[in-house]
């Protein structure tokens, strides 16, 4: 079991929750974009933990790139 992936999954979930919470409080779109970006990172970490990463490497690369793009969009707001 890879504890690094588990820690990354937990932190991604925490950032998602905080992003949604802050968006609900303030209405600032940057928070929701960053939270959604980390949701995509969390999905990729979960896929690695469950063993799906080996079968869908290309798809997971697209998911991770999508996460980076959402975080970048959030930082541009």
N, C-alpha and C. Protein backbone atom coordinates (compact mmCIF):
# COMPACT_ATOMS: atom_id res chain seq x y z
N UNK A 1 0.85 -1.19 0.00
CA UNK A 1 0.00 0.00 0.00
C UNK A 1 0.89 1.24 0.00
N UNK A 2 0.58 2.15 -0.89
CA UNK A 2 1.38 3.36 -1.03
C UNK A 2 0.75 4.49 -0.22
N UNK A 3 1.38 4.82 0.89
CA UNK A 3 0.84 5.85 1.78
C UNK A 3 0.89 7.24 1.17
N UNK A 4 1.81 7.47 0.25
CA UNK A 4 1.88 8.77 -0.41
C UNK A 4 0.61 9.03 -1.21
N UNK A 5 0.12 8.03 -1.90
CA UNK A 5 -1.10 8.19 -2.70
C UNK A 5 -2.30 8.41 -1.77
N UNK A 6 -2.33 7.70 -0.64
CA UNK A 6 -3.43 7.87 0.32
C UNK A 6 -3.43 9.28 0.88
N UNK A 7 -2.25 9.77 1.25
CA UNK A 7 -2.15 11.14 1.78
C UNK A 7 -2.56 12.15 0.72
N UNK A 8 -2.13 11.95 -0.53
CA UNK A 8 -2.53 12.85 -1.62
C UNK A 8 -4.04 12.84 -1.83
N UNK A 9 -4.65 11.67 -1.72
CA UNK A 9 -6.10 11.56 -1.87
C UNK A 9 -6.82 12.33 -0.76
N UNK A 10 -6.37 12.16 0.47
CA UNK A 10 -6.97 12.86 1.60
C UNK A 10 -6.83 14.37 1.45
N UNK A 11 -5.64 14.82 1.07
CA UNK A 11 -5.42 16.26 0.91
C UNK A 11 -6.22 16.83 -0.26
N UNK A 12 -6.34 16.06 -1.33
CA UNK A 12 -7.16 16.51 -2.46
C UNK A 12 -8.62 16.66 -2.05
N UNK A 13 -9.11 15.70 -1.26
CA UNK A 13 -10.49 15.78 -0.77
C UNK A 13 -10.67 16.99 0.14
N UNK A 14 -9.68 17.25 0.99
CA UNK A 14 -9.77 18.41 1.89
C UNK A 14 -9.81 19.71 1.11
N UNK A 15 -8.98 19.83 0.08
CA UNK A 15 -8.96 21.05 -0.73
C UNK A 15 -10.27 21.19 -1.50
N UNK A 16 -10.83 20.09 -1.98
CA UNK A 16 -12.13 20.14 -2.65
C UNK A 16 -13.20 20.67 -1.69
N UNK A 17 -13.27 20.11 -0.49
CA UNK A 17 -14.27 20.54 0.49
C UNK A 17 -14.09 22.02 0.84
N UNK A 18 -12.85 22.43 1.08
CA UNK A 18 -12.59 23.83 1.41
C UNK A 18 -12.92 24.76 0.25
N UNK A 19 -12.61 24.34 -0.96
CA UNK A 19 -12.92 25.15 -2.13
C UNK A 19 -14.41 25.36 -2.31
N UNK A 20 -15.18 24.29 -2.14
CA UNK A 20 -16.64 24.39 -2.26
C UNK A 20 -17.20 25.25 -1.13
N UNK A 21 -16.69 25.06 0.08
CA UNK A 21 -17.15 25.83 1.23
C UNK A 21 -16.88 27.33 1.04
N UNK A 22 -15.67 27.65 0.63
CA UNK A 22 -15.31 29.07 0.43
C UNK A 22 -16.10 29.68 -0.72
N UNK A 23 -16.35 28.89 -1.78
CA UNK A 23 -17.17 29.39 -2.88
C UNK A 23 -18.59 29.70 -2.39
N UNK A 24 -19.14 28.80 -1.58
CA UNK A 24 -20.49 29.02 -1.04
C UNK A 24 -20.54 30.26 -0.16
N UNK A 25 -19.47 30.53 0.56
CA UNK A 25 -19.43 31.69 1.45
C UNK A 25 -19.25 33.00 0.69
N UNK A 26 -18.38 32.98 -0.30
CA UNK A 26 -17.99 34.23 -0.93
C UNK A 26 -18.50 34.42 -2.36
N UNK A 27 -18.79 33.32 -3.04
CA UNK A 27 -19.21 33.42 -4.43
C UNK A 27 -18.06 33.65 -5.39
N UNK A 28 -16.83 33.60 -4.90
CA UNK A 28 -15.65 33.79 -5.75
C UNK A 28 -15.42 32.51 -6.56
N UNK A 29 -15.47 32.62 -7.88
CA UNK A 29 -15.36 31.45 -8.75
C UNK A 29 -14.02 30.75 -8.66
N UNK A 30 -12.99 31.46 -8.29
CA UNK A 30 -11.66 30.86 -8.21
C UNK A 30 -11.66 29.66 -7.27
N UNK A 31 -12.39 29.76 -6.17
CA UNK A 31 -12.40 28.67 -5.19
C UNK A 31 -13.00 27.39 -5.77
N UNK A 32 -14.06 27.53 -6.54
CA UNK A 32 -14.70 26.34 -7.10
C UNK A 32 -13.83 25.71 -8.18
N UNK A 33 -13.15 26.52 -8.99
CA UNK A 33 -12.26 25.97 -10.01
C UNK A 33 -11.10 25.20 -9.38
N UNK A 34 -10.52 25.76 -8.34
CA UNK A 34 -9.42 25.08 -7.67
C UNK A 34 -9.92 23.80 -7.00
N UNK A 35 -11.08 23.87 -6.36
CA UNK A 35 -11.65 22.67 -5.76
C UNK A 35 -11.93 21.58 -6.78
N UNK A 36 -12.47 21.95 -7.93
CA UNK A 36 -12.75 20.97 -8.97
C UNK A 36 -11.46 20.40 -9.57
N UNK A 37 -10.45 21.23 -9.66
CA UNK A 37 -9.15 20.72 -10.13
C UNK A 37 -8.63 19.64 -9.20
N UNK A 38 -8.75 19.87 -7.92
CA UNK A 38 -8.28 18.87 -6.96
C UNK A 38 -9.22 17.66 -6.91
N UNK A 39 -10.47 17.82 -7.30
CA UNK A 39 -11.35 16.67 -7.45
C UNK A 39 -10.78 15.73 -8.53
N UNK A 40 -10.33 16.32 -9.63
CA UNK A 40 -9.75 15.49 -10.68
C UNK A 40 -8.46 14.81 -10.21
N UNK A 41 -7.65 15.51 -9.44
CA UNK A 41 -6.46 14.87 -8.88
C UNK A 41 -6.85 13.73 -7.96
N UNK A 42 -7.89 13.94 -7.16
CA UNK A 42 -8.36 12.89 -6.26
C UNK A 42 -8.86 11.67 -7.02
N UNK A 43 -9.53 11.90 -8.14
CA UNK A 43 -9.99 10.79 -8.96
C UNK A 43 -8.80 9.98 -9.47
N UNK A 44 -7.75 10.66 -9.89
CA UNK A 44 -6.58 9.94 -10.38
C UNK A 44 -5.89 9.17 -9.25
N UNK A 45 -5.85 9.74 -8.05
CA UNK A 45 -5.25 9.02 -6.91
C UNK A 45 -6.09 7.80 -6.55
N UNK A 46 -7.41 7.95 -6.58
CA UNK A 46 -8.29 6.83 -6.28
C UNK A 46 -8.13 5.72 -7.31
N UNK A 47 -7.96 6.09 -8.56
CA UNK A 47 -7.76 5.10 -9.62
C UNK A 47 -6.47 4.32 -9.38
N UNK A 48 -5.43 5.00 -8.93
CA UNK A 48 -4.16 4.32 -8.63
C UNK A 48 -4.36 3.35 -7.47
N UNK A 49 -5.05 3.78 -6.43
CA UNK A 49 -5.27 2.92 -5.26
C UNK A 49 -6.11 1.69 -5.57
N UNK A 50 -7.07 1.83 -6.46
CA UNK A 50 -7.95 0.72 -6.79
C UNK A 50 -7.40 -0.18 -7.89
N UNK A 51 -6.31 0.22 -8.50
CA UNK A 51 -5.69 -0.61 -9.53
C UNK A 51 -6.15 -0.30 -10.94
N UNK A 52 -6.99 0.68 -11.13
CA UNK A 52 -7.45 1.03 -12.48
C UNK A 52 -6.43 1.85 -13.26
N UNK A 53 -5.42 2.36 -12.61
CA UNK A 53 -4.46 3.23 -13.28
C UNK A 53 -3.71 2.51 -14.38
N UNK A 54 -3.41 1.25 -14.18
CA UNK A 54 -2.66 0.50 -15.19
C UNK A 54 -3.42 0.32 -16.48
N UNK A 55 -4.74 0.23 -16.39
CA UNK A 55 -5.57 0.01 -17.57
C UNK A 55 -5.89 1.29 -18.33
N UNK A 56 -5.85 2.41 -17.63
CA UNK A 56 -6.32 3.67 -18.21
C UNK A 56 -5.29 4.79 -18.07
N UNK A 57 -4.04 4.50 -18.42
CA UNK A 57 -2.98 5.51 -18.24
C UNK A 57 -3.23 6.76 -19.06
N UNK A 58 -3.66 6.61 -20.29
CA UNK A 58 -3.91 7.78 -21.14
C UNK A 58 -5.06 8.60 -20.58
N UNK A 59 -6.14 7.95 -20.18
CA UNK A 59 -7.28 8.65 -19.62
C UNK A 59 -6.89 9.38 -18.34
N UNK A 60 -6.10 8.75 -17.49
CA UNK A 60 -5.67 9.40 -16.25
C UNK A 60 -4.76 10.59 -16.53
N UNK A 61 -3.98 10.52 -17.58
CA UNK A 61 -3.15 11.67 -17.96
C UNK A 61 -4.04 12.84 -18.35
N UNK A 62 -5.10 12.56 -19.08
CA UNK A 62 -6.05 13.62 -19.48
C UNK A 62 -6.75 14.19 -18.25
N UNK A 63 -7.12 13.32 -17.31
CA UNK A 63 -7.77 13.78 -16.08
C UNK A 63 -6.83 14.69 -15.29
N UNK A 64 -5.58 14.31 -15.17
CA UNK A 64 -4.61 15.13 -14.44
C UNK A 64 -4.36 16.46 -15.14
N UNK A 65 -4.24 16.44 -16.46
CA UNK A 65 -4.07 17.69 -17.20
C UNK A 65 -5.29 18.58 -16.98
N UNK A 66 -6.48 17.98 -16.99
CA UNK A 66 -7.69 18.75 -16.71
C UNK A 66 -7.65 19.38 -15.32
N UNK A 67 -7.13 18.65 -14.34
CA UNK A 67 -6.98 19.20 -13.00
C UNK A 67 -6.06 20.40 -12.98
N UNK A 68 -4.94 20.28 -13.66
CA UNK A 68 -4.00 21.41 -13.73
C UNK A 68 -4.64 22.61 -14.42
N UNK A 69 -5.38 22.36 -15.50
CA UNK A 69 -6.03 23.45 -16.23
C UNK A 69 -7.05 24.16 -15.33
N UNK A 70 -7.84 23.40 -14.57
CA UNK A 70 -8.82 24.02 -13.69
C UNK A 70 -8.16 24.85 -12.60
N UNK A 71 -7.06 24.35 -12.04
CA UNK A 71 -6.34 25.13 -11.02
C UNK A 71 -5.78 26.40 -11.64
N UNK A 72 -5.22 26.31 -12.83
CA UNK A 72 -4.68 27.50 -13.50
C UNK A 72 -5.80 28.51 -13.76
N UNK A 73 -6.95 28.04 -14.23
CA UNK A 73 -8.09 28.94 -14.45
C UNK A 73 -8.48 29.62 -13.14
N UNK A 74 -8.53 28.84 -12.07
CA UNK A 74 -8.87 29.42 -10.78
C UNK A 74 -7.89 30.47 -10.34
N UNK A 75 -6.62 30.27 -10.60
CA UNK A 75 -5.60 31.24 -10.21
C UNK A 75 -5.62 32.48 -11.09
N UNK A 76 -6.20 32.37 -12.26
CA UNK A 76 -6.30 33.54 -13.15
C UNK A 76 -7.45 34.46 -12.78
N UNK A 77 -8.40 33.98 -11.98
CA UNK A 77 -9.54 34.83 -11.56
C UNK A 77 -9.10 35.86 -10.57
